Amino acid sequence: MKRIPVYVLFCLGILSLLHSVSYAGALAEREILANGITLLHSEKTGLPIVTVMIAIRAGSIAEPPEKAGLANLTADLLNEGTQTRSSREISDAIEFVGGSLSTSGGADYVTVSLSVLKKDIGLGFDLMSDIILNPAFSDDEVQRRKTSIKNTIIQQKEDPSIIASRAFAKAVFGKYPYGRPIEGTEESLDRINREDILTFHREYYVPNNTIMSVVGDIGKDELQALLEKYFMKWQRGEQKEIPLPELALKEKPEVIEIQKKLVQATVLFGHLGISRNNPDYYAVSVMNYILGGGGFASRLMDNIRDNKGLAYDVHSSFSAEKYAGSFEVGLQTKNEAANRVLEEIFREIERIRTEPVSDGELSDAKSYLTGSFPLRIDSNRKIAGVLTSVEYYGLGLDYVDNYPKYIGTVTKDDILRVAQKYLHTGSYVLVVVGDLEKAALRY
């Protein structure tokens, strides 16, 4: 009989999941296992599917700067073969049951994600534990993945958006890990060998450095039995301290001009932002929605696109990570319009820093942010992701209930205060990738 892929069942059951999500009380049960794993379990019986997301604090923030890309490469290699299975055997096994098993690098942590039908959960846990605990890291696979990543890096050198983003991050964060590309560089990848990967895996891939979110049609007793069988032999390790340099705003503007013979210029403007645990995070979210995060409802879009026709899209965002963050305004425009666009960006930033937002703007922003929030938890995978973030950032398992309250209490005075505190027009980084002669920047 033909097997039904997991993603098909997701689509068929989306309405069931929407109705099954509870917004009262804790989103999951939390437990610290004997070997140190932080377990978050949310039983959902609407569909016979189980999703598991394992987050290990082994992101690029933990790697040596001279070997940038080590964390991402290690994560990439997890499902490329173990001590008893080849990469082909792993992929064939999970695909045969219509499931998925993937790995992903990140700045703060790496993730291993599993999605399988309930009846195949034993196989899923077997494969997932095998790639995390027993990766082979063969020399052939290491070289193959390094070559593949370097080829991607070379291709990205022609993409103005990626060029601008990398230059912007490097300028804003300097030597801070968030300023490095997660995948590293051609040069740093050449400095990484198999022994580096083995050491990194041994030091950071430990259970007391791990968050496991399990969401779906699985009860507590069945889950405990699977954990006992597949993960409890995983031994604790020393949690290594990660030394981080100090961060500070620029003393004066820094302008980075990158020549590319293009019809349009890619423009990034911004500076240091806030970390995720900043108590002003929610007021900043509302403020940024009004400024440039709200799509067609935002001031930047209304001014620069709708009223002046200078760009097809313009947006602003606060990227708030564990230890730091950045504020960014990004767009593409005709080279000749770059100065005019920047004038409007400065004008809108100054306006939100000096004038209270309207009652309508505040109400619309809060309505959208709270009204769209349930869409973040309308599937097992999304719930697992939210649980991981909630635990990692220490937001509390009642976060889903509290989020509307946090947004709802933001006032116009809060908007003005955080705009004045976290938006800067004298300490910025400006990156422009385009035809510099035509752009003729005045900044």
Protein backbone atom coordinates (compact mmCIF):
# COMPACT_ATOMS: atom_id res chain seq x y z
CA MET A 1 0.00 0.00 0.00
CA LYS A 2 1.29 3.46 -0.86
CA ARG A 3 2.44 5.43 2.17
CA ILE A 4 1.07 8.91 2.87
CA PRO A 5 3.87 11.45 3.47
CA VAL A 6 3.77 13.29 6.77
CA TYR A 7 3.39 16.70 5.10
CA VAL A 8 0.14 15.56 3.45
CA LEU A 9 -1.32 14.68 6.83
CA PHE A 10 -0.26 18.10 8.10
CA CYS A 11 -2.20 19.78 5.31
CA LEU A 12 -5.27 17.58 5.81
CA GLY A 13 -5.32 18.16 9.53
CA ILE A 14 -4.48 21.84 9.84
CA LEU A 15 -7.99 22.78 10.99
CA SER A 16 -7.90 20.04 13.60
CA LEU A 17 -4.63 21.38 14.94
CA LEU A 18 -5.94 24.93 15.06
CA HIS A 19 -8.86 23.79 17.20
CA SER A 20 -6.69 21.59 19.40
CA VAL A 21 -4.22 24.32 20.42
CA SER A 22 -4.92 25.41 23.96
CA TYR A 23 -4.16 28.97 24.99
CA ALA A 24 -4.81 28.51 28.71
CA GLY A 25 -2.09 27.34 31.05
CA ALA A 26 1.36 26.00 30.27
CA LEU A 27 2.17 25.14 26.66
CA ALA A 28 4.00 21.97 27.73
CA GLU A 29 5.27 19.97 30.67
CA ARG A 30 8.89 20.67 31.57
CA GLU A 31 11.34 18.24 33.14
CA ILE A 32 15.09 18.03 33.64
CA LEU A 33 16.17 14.45 32.94
CA ALA A 34 18.79 12.65 35.01
CA ASN A 35 21.54 13.29 32.47
CA GLY A 36 20.67 17.00 32.15
CA ILE A 37 18.43 17.15 29.06
CA THR A 38 15.71 19.78 29.41
CA LEU A 39 12.56 18.03 28.19
CA LEU A 40 9.47 19.90 27.02
CA HIS A 41 6.49 17.67 26.22
CA SER A 42 3.23 18.78 24.64
CA GLU A 43 0.79 15.96 23.89
CA LYS A 44 -1.46 16.69 20.88
CA THR A 45 -3.80 13.90 19.77
CA GLY A 46 -5.42 15.59 16.78
CA LEU A 47 -3.18 13.74 14.29
CA PRO A 48 -1.04 10.56 14.61
CA ILE A 49 2.17 12.55 14.15
CA VAL A 50 5.07 13.29 16.48
CA THR A 51 7.55 16.12 16.02
CA VAL A 52 10.79 16.35 17.98
CA MET A 53 13.15 19.31 17.97
CA ILE A 54 16.48 19.02 19.73
CA ALA A 55 18.43 22.24 20.27
CA ILE A 56 22.04 21.96 21.39
CA ARG A 57 23.95 25.02 22.56
CA ALA A 58 26.67 24.42 20.01
CA GLY A 59 26.13 27.27 17.58
CA SER A 60 28.72 29.43 15.87
CA ILE A 61 28.99 31.57 18.99
CA ALA A 62 30.98 28.71 20.56
CA GLU A 63 33.51 28.15 17.78
CA PRO A 64 37.02 29.66 17.57
CA PRO A 65 36.95 32.78 15.34
CA GLU A 66 39.77 31.50 13.17
CA LYS A 67 37.71 28.39 12.41
CA ALA A 68 34.42 30.07 11.58
CA GLY A 69 31.96 27.58 10.14
CA LEU A 70 33.01 24.75 12.48
CA ALA A 71 29.67 24.65 14.32
CA ASN A 72 27.64 24.70 11.12
CA LEU A 73 29.85 22.06 9.48
CA THR A 74 29.53 19.79 12.52
CA ALA A 75 25.73 20.06 12.42
CA ASP A 76 25.70 19.48 8.65
CA LEU A 77 27.65 16.26 9.04
CA LEU A 78 25.43 14.66 11.69
CA ASN A 79 23.16 12.88 9.21
CA GLU A 80 25.98 12.12 6.76
CA GLY A 81 26.76 8.80 8.37
CA THR A 82 27.14 7.24 11.83
CA GLN A 83 29.29 4.42 13.18
CA THR A 84 26.72 1.85 11.98
CA ARG A 85 24.76 3.60 9.19
CA SER A 86 25.75 5.35 5.98
CA SER A 87 24.15 8.63 4.98
CA ARG A 88 22.17 6.76 2.31
CA GLU A 89 20.87 4.26 4.85
CA ILE A 90 19.74 7.10 7.13
CA SER A 91 17.90 8.97 4.39
CA ASP A 92 16.34 5.79 2.96
CA ALA A 93 15.08 4.69 6.38
CA ILE A 94 13.34 7.96 7.21
CA GLU A 95 11.98 8.49 3.69
CA PHE A 96 10.55 4.97 3.57
CA VAL A 97 8.18 5.81 6.44
CA GLY A 98 7.30 9.24 5.01
CA GLY A 99 9.10 11.12 7.78
CA SER A 100 11.80 13.76 7.89
CA LEU A 101 15.05 14.11 9.79
CA SER A 102 17.13 17.25 9.34
CA THR A 103 19.90 19.24 10.97
CA SER A 104 20.60 22.96 10.93
CA GLY A 105 23.37 25.21 12.19
CA GLY A 106 22.72 28.50 13.94
CA ALA A 107 24.40 31.30 15.83
CA ASP A 108 23.25 30.38 19.36
CA TYR A 109 22.37 26.71 18.92
CA VAL A 110 22.07 23.95 16.35
CA THR A 111 18.91 21.94 15.81
CA VAL A 112 18.04 18.38 14.89
CA SER A 113 14.41 18.01 13.81
CA LEU A 114 12.35 14.84 13.44
CA SER A 115 8.79 14.35 12.19
CA VAL A 116 7.23 10.88 11.89
CA LEU A 117 3.94 9.08 12.15
CA LYS A 118 3.18 7.83 15.64
CA LYS A 119 3.61 4.20 14.60
CA ASP A 120 7.17 4.94 13.42
CA ILE A 121 8.31 6.88 16.48
CA GLY A 122 10.66 4.09 17.58
CA LEU A 123 12.55 4.25 14.30
CA GLY A 124 12.58 8.03 14.50
CA PHE A 125 14.16 8.08 17.95
CA ASP A 126 16.63 5.39 16.90
CA LEU A 127 17.82 7.44 13.92
CA MET A 128 17.80 10.75 15.77
CA SER A 129 19.80 9.47 18.72
CA ASP A 130 22.24 7.71 16.38
CA ILE A 131 23.16 10.82 14.39
CA ILE A 132 23.57 12.92 17.54
CA LEU A 133 25.46 10.42 19.69
CA ASN A 134 27.40 8.41 17.09
CA PRO A 135 28.28 10.53 14.04
CA ALA A 136 31.14 9.13 11.98
CA PHE A 137 32.56 12.41 10.64
CA SER A 138 34.43 10.47 7.98
CA ASP A 139 37.24 12.26 6.18
CA ASP A 140 35.50 11.82 2.83
CA GLU A 141 32.26 13.38 4.09
CA VAL A 142 34.13 16.22 5.80
CA GLN A 143 35.89 17.13 2.58
CA ARG A 144 32.73 16.76 0.51
CA ARG A 145 30.71 19.05 2.78
CA LYS A 146 33.50 21.63 2.99
CA THR A 147 33.71 21.74 -0.79
CA SER A 148 29.93 22.06 -1.10
CA ILE A 149 29.77 24.92 1.43
CA LYS A 150 32.69 26.74 -0.22
CA ASN A 151 30.97 26.48 -3.60
CA THR A 152 27.86 28.04 -2.09
CA ILE A 153 29.94 30.84 -0.58
CA ILE A 154 31.50 31.55 -3.98
CA GLN A 155 28.07 31.73 -5.62
CA GLN A 156 26.81 34.07 -2.92
CA LYS A 157 29.53 36.57 -3.76
CA GLU A 158 27.41 37.62 -6.72
CA ASP A 159 24.26 38.22 -4.67
CA PRO A 160 24.07 41.91 -3.65
CA SER A 161 21.70 41.18 -0.76
CA ILE A 162 24.06 38.63 0.79
CA ILE A 163 27.08 40.87 0.13
CA ALA A 164 25.36 43.74 1.91
CA SER A 165 24.14 41.58 4.82
CA ARG A 166 27.59 40.18 5.53
CA ALA A 167 29.26 43.58 5.35
CA PHE A 168 26.56 45.03 7.62
CA ALA A 169 26.89 42.29 10.26
CA LYS A 170 30.67 42.55 10.29
CA ALA A 171 30.55 46.32 10.73
CA VAL A 172 27.86 46.29 13.42
CA PHE A 173 29.23 43.43 15.53
CA GLY A 174 32.95 43.63 14.78
CA LYS A 175 34.76 40.68 16.40
CA TYR A 176 31.61 39.53 18.18
CA PRO A 177 30.50 36.08 16.91
CA TYR A 178 27.27 37.47 15.46
CA GLY A 179 29.40 39.38 12.98
CA ARG A 180 30.66 36.19 11.30
CA PRO A 181 28.80 34.19 8.63
CA ILE A 182 27.44 31.01 10.20
CA GLU A 183 28.82 28.96 7.31
CA GLY A 184 32.27 30.55 7.69
CA THR A 185 34.53 31.65 4.86
CA GLU A 186 36.58 29.79 2.28
CA GLU A 187 39.71 30.51 4.30
CA SER A 188 38.30 29.50 7.69
CA LEU A 189 36.84 26.28 6.30
CA ASP A 190 40.28 25.34 4.94
CA ARG A 191 41.61 25.56 8.50
CA ILE A 192 39.07 23.04 9.85
CA ASN A 193 40.00 19.37 10.00
CA ARG A 194 38.30 16.22 11.25
CA GLU A 195 39.96 16.45 14.66
CA ASP A 196 38.49 19.93 15.16
CA ILE A 197 35.02 18.54 14.44
CA LEU A 198 35.48 15.58 16.78
CA THR A 199 36.67 17.88 19.58
CA PHE A 200 33.84 20.36 19.06
CA HIS A 201 31.27 17.57 19.08
CA ARG A 202 32.74 16.00 22.21
CA GLU A 203 32.84 19.29 24.12
CA TYR A 204 29.50 20.83 23.16
CA TYR A 205 27.20 17.96 22.20
CA VAL A 206 26.35 16.95 25.74
CA PRO A 207 22.90 16.31 27.26
CA ASN A 208 23.16 19.06 29.87
CA ASN A 209 23.63 21.46 26.94
CA THR A 210 20.44 20.29 25.24
CA ILE A 211 16.76 21.22 24.97
CA MET A 212 14.37 18.58 23.62
CA SER A 213 10.85 19.59 22.57
CA VAL A 214 8.42 16.75 21.83
CA VAL A 215 5.02 17.63 20.38
CA GLY A 216 2.30 15.35 19.10
CA ASP A 217 0.48 12.11 19.63
CA ILE A 218 2.66 10.57 22.30
CA GLY A 219 1.90 10.09 25.97
CA LYS A 220 4.25 10.63 28.88
CA ASP A 221 4.90 6.94 29.61
CA GLU A 222 5.67 6.07 26.00
CA LEU A 223 7.97 9.06 25.71
CA GLN A 224 9.81 8.16 28.91
CA ALA A 225 10.39 4.64 27.61
CA LEU A 226 11.86 5.96 24.35
CA LEU A 227 14.10 8.41 26.18
CA GLU A 228 15.33 5.68 28.50
CA LYS A 229 16.17 3.43 25.56
CA TYR A 230 17.76 5.93 23.21
CA PHE A 231 19.09 8.93 25.16
CA MET A 232 19.79 8.10 28.79
CA LYS A 233 23.18 6.55 28.04
CA TRP A 234 24.27 9.97 26.78
CA GLN A 235 26.73 11.15 29.42
CA ARG A 236 26.86 14.62 30.93
CA GLY A 237 29.78 16.86 30.02
CA GLU A 238 31.31 20.07 31.25
CA GLN A 239 29.34 23.14 30.17
CA LYS A 240 31.99 25.39 28.71
CA GLU A 241 31.90 29.13 29.28
CA ILE A 242 31.90 31.15 26.08
CA PRO A 243 33.96 34.35 26.41
CA LEU A 244 32.37 37.21 24.48
CA PRO A 245 33.88 40.62 23.67
CA GLU A 246 32.18 43.87 24.64
CA LEU A 247 29.80 45.53 22.22
CA ALA A 248 29.22 49.24 21.76
CA LEU A 249 27.54 51.60 19.32
CA LYS A 250 29.73 53.29 16.73
CA GLU A 251 31.14 56.61 17.88
CA LYS A 252 30.39 57.98 14.42
CA PRO A 253 28.67 56.74 11.25
CA GLU A 254 30.43 54.07 9.20
CA VAL A 255 29.66 53.99 5.49
CA ILE A 256 30.58 50.95 3.40
CA GLU A 257 30.36 51.35 -0.37
CA ILE A 258 30.69 48.23 -2.54
CA GLN A 259 30.91 48.70 -6.29
CA LYS A 260 28.71 46.47 -8.42
CA LYS A 261 27.53 47.35 -11.92
CA LEU A 262 23.85 47.00 -11.12
CA VAL A 263 20.69 48.84 -12.09
CA GLN A 264 19.54 48.94 -8.48
CA ALA A 265 21.43 49.65 -5.28
CA THR A 266 20.97 47.46 -2.22
CA VAL A 267 20.85 49.64 0.88
CA LEU A 268 21.18 48.51 4.51
CA PHE A 269 21.06 51.02 7.34
CA GLY A 270 21.20 50.23 11.05
CA HIS A 271 23.16 49.65 14.23
CA LEU A 272 23.26 47.55 17.38
CA GLY A 273 19.84 46.64 18.73
CA ILE A 274 18.66 44.68 21.75
CA SER A 275 18.96 41.14 23.09
CA ARG A 276 15.90 38.93 23.43
CA ASN A 277 15.78 39.21 27.23
CA ASN A 278 15.61 43.01 27.15
CA PRO A 279 12.48 44.07 29.08
CA ASP A 280 11.73 46.60 26.34
CA TYR A 281 11.46 43.84 23.71
CA TYR A 282 7.67 44.06 23.40
CA ALA A 283 7.53 47.85 23.21
CA VAL A 284 10.28 47.72 20.58
CA SER A 285 8.26 45.14 18.62
CA VAL A 286 5.23 47.44 18.51
CA MET A 287 7.35 50.47 17.66
CA ASN A 288 9.13 48.65 14.85
CA TYR A 289 5.84 47.41 13.40
CA ILE A 290 4.73 51.01 13.03
CA LEU A 291 8.07 52.16 11.66
CA GLY A 292 8.86 49.49 9.09
CA GLY A 293 7.99 46.00 10.27
CA GLY A 294 4.30 46.12 9.40
CA GLY A 295 4.51 45.75 5.65
CA PHE A 296 2.03 48.01 3.86
CA ALA A 297 0.84 49.30 7.25
CA SER A 298 4.26 50.72 8.15
CA ARG A 299 5.42 54.31 7.82
CA LEU A 300 8.50 53.47 5.77
CA MET A 301 6.45 51.54 3.23
CA ASP A 302 3.79 54.22 3.07
CA ASN A 303 6.35 56.98 2.55
CA ILE A 304 9.03 55.40 0.37
CA ARG A 305 6.93 53.04 -1.74
CA ASP A 306 3.36 54.29 -1.79
CA ASN A 307 3.87 58.05 -1.74
CA LYS A 308 7.21 58.45 -3.52
CA GLY A 309 7.61 55.25 -5.53
CA LEU A 310 11.30 54.94 -4.66
CA ALA A 311 11.34 51.21 -3.82
CA TYR A 312 9.16 48.17 -4.32
CA ASP A 313 9.75 46.99 -0.76
CA VAL A 314 11.26 48.54 2.36
CA HIS A 315 11.33 47.04 5.80
CA SER A 316 12.85 47.49 9.24
CA SER A 317 13.57 44.82 11.84
CA PHE A 318 15.08 44.24 15.24
CA SER A 319 16.95 40.93 15.25
CA ALA A 320 17.11 40.02 18.94
CA GLU A 321 19.39 37.10 19.76
CA LYS A 322 20.42 35.64 23.10
CA TYR A 323 23.33 37.95 23.80
CA ALA A 324 22.85 40.90 21.45
CA GLY A 325 20.93 42.07 18.42
CA SER A 326 20.75 44.56 15.60
CA PHE A 327 18.37 47.07 14.05
CA GLU A 328 18.20 47.20 10.27
CA VAL A 329 16.36 49.01 7.50
CA GLY A 330 16.73 47.33 4.12
CA LEU A 331 15.61 48.03 0.56
CA GLN A 332 16.59 48.12 -3.09
CA THR A 333 16.22 51.26 -5.18
CA LYS A 334 17.57 52.86 -8.33
CA ASN A 335 21.17 53.92 -7.84
CA GLU A 336 20.26 57.54 -8.50
CA ALA A 337 17.60 57.44 -5.77
CA ALA A 338 19.83 56.18 -2.95
CA ASN A 339 20.36 59.60 -1.34
CA ARG A 340 16.69 60.48 -1.48
CA VAL A 341 15.73 57.13 0.09
CA LEU A 342 18.20 57.68 2.91
CA GLU A 343 16.74 61.13 3.54
CA GLU A 344 13.31 59.56 3.99
CA ILE A 345 14.66 56.84 6.30
CA PHE A 346 16.25 59.48 8.53
CA ARG A 347 13.06 61.53 8.41
CA GLU A 348 10.87 58.63 9.54
CA ILE A 349 13.27 57.59 12.28
CA GLU A 350 13.39 61.13 13.62
CA ARG A 351 9.61 61.41 13.44
CA ILE A 352 9.00 58.30 15.52
CA ARG A 353 11.69 59.43 17.99
CA THR A 354 10.15 62.88 18.51
CA GLU A 355 6.39 62.61 17.89
CA PRO A 356 3.90 60.27 19.59
CA VAL A 357 2.35 57.69 17.28
CA SER A 358 -1.38 57.99 16.63
CA ASP A 359 -4.02 56.03 18.51
CA GLY A 360 -4.89 54.24 15.29
CA GLU A 361 -1.29 53.21 14.57
CA LEU A 362 -0.84 51.87 18.09
CA SER A 363 -4.15 49.99 18.02
CA ASP A 364 -3.48 48.46 14.59
CA ALA A 365 0.03 47.35 15.53
CA LYS A 366 -1.10 45.70 18.75
CA SER A 367 -4.06 44.04 17.03
CA TYR A 368 -1.86 42.57 14.31
CA LEU A 369 0.86 41.32 16.66
CA THR A 370 -1.58 39.64 19.03
CA GLY A 371 -3.97 38.48 16.30
CA SER A 372 -1.24 36.82 14.22
CA PHE A 373 0.42 35.17 17.22
CA PRO A 374 -1.70 31.95 17.08
CA LEU A 375 -0.29 31.31 13.60
CA ARG A 376 3.07 30.73 15.28
CA ILE A 377 1.68 27.64 17.01
CA ASP A 378 -0.70 26.18 14.43
CA SER A 379 1.32 23.01 13.79
CA ASN A 380 3.41 20.55 15.77
CA ARG A 381 6.59 21.85 14.17
CA LYS A 382 5.82 25.45 15.06
CA ILE A 383 4.91 24.53 18.62
CA ALA A 384 8.20 22.66 18.98
CA GLY A 385 10.06 25.71 17.69
CA VAL A 386 8.27 28.04 20.10
CA LEU A 387 8.94 25.68 23.01
CA THR A 388 12.63 25.63 22.14
CA SER A 389 12.79 29.43 22.02
CA VAL A 390 10.76 29.79 25.22
CA GLU A 391 13.19 27.56 27.08
CA TYR A 392 16.35 28.97 25.54
CA TYR A 393 15.42 32.58 26.24
CA GLY A 394 13.84 31.83 29.62
CA LEU A 395 10.40 33.18 28.68
CA GLY A 396 8.35 30.74 30.78
CA LEU A 397 5.88 28.09 29.67
CA ASP A 398 3.00 30.52 30.18
CA TYR A 399 4.47 32.69 27.43
CA VAL A 400 1.63 31.98 24.99
CA ASP A 401 -0.89 33.35 27.49
CA ASN A 402 1.31 36.26 28.52
CA TYR A 403 2.31 37.48 25.04
CA PRO A 404 -0.98 39.32 24.35
CA LYS A 405 -0.70 40.97 27.77
CA TYR A 406 2.86 42.10 27.10
CA ILE A 407 1.85 43.64 23.77
CA GLY A 408 -1.44 44.99 25.08
CA THR A 409 0.15 47.06 27.84
CA VAL A 410 2.44 49.01 25.47
CA THR A 411 1.56 52.71 25.44
CA LYS A 412 2.34 55.65 23.17
CA ASP A 413 4.77 56.89 25.82
CA ASP A 414 6.52 53.50 25.68
CA ILE A 415 6.84 53.80 21.91
CA LEU A 416 8.40 57.24 22.19
CA ARG A 417 10.74 56.13 24.97
CA VAL A 418 12.09 53.04 23.21
CA ALA A 419 12.39 54.87 19.89
CA GLN A 420 14.56 57.50 21.56
CA LYS A 421 16.59 54.85 23.36
CA TYR A 422 17.13 52.26 20.61
CA LEU A 423 17.05 54.19 17.32
CA HIS A 424 20.13 56.22 16.40
CA THR A 425 20.84 58.57 13.52
CA GLY A 426 24.37 59.49 14.54
CA SER A 427 25.87 56.06 15.31
CA TYR A 428 24.86 53.97 12.35
CA VAL A 429 26.30 51.60 9.77
CA LEU A 430 25.32 52.22 6.15
CA VAL A 431 26.04 49.65 3.45
CA VAL A 432 25.36 50.38 -0.21
CA VAL A 433 26.01 47.80 -2.93
CA GLY A 434 25.52 49.18 -6.44
CA ASP A 435 26.82 51.54 -9.09
CA LEU A 436 28.56 54.01 -6.80
CA GLU A 437 29.18 56.61 -9.48
CA LYS A 438 25.46 56.86 -10.20
CA ALA A 439 24.53 56.68 -6.52
CA ALA A 440 26.91 59.54 -5.61
CA LEU A 441 26.30 59.11 -1.88
CA ARG A 442 26.29 62.21 0.27
CA TYR A 443 26.52 60.24 3.52
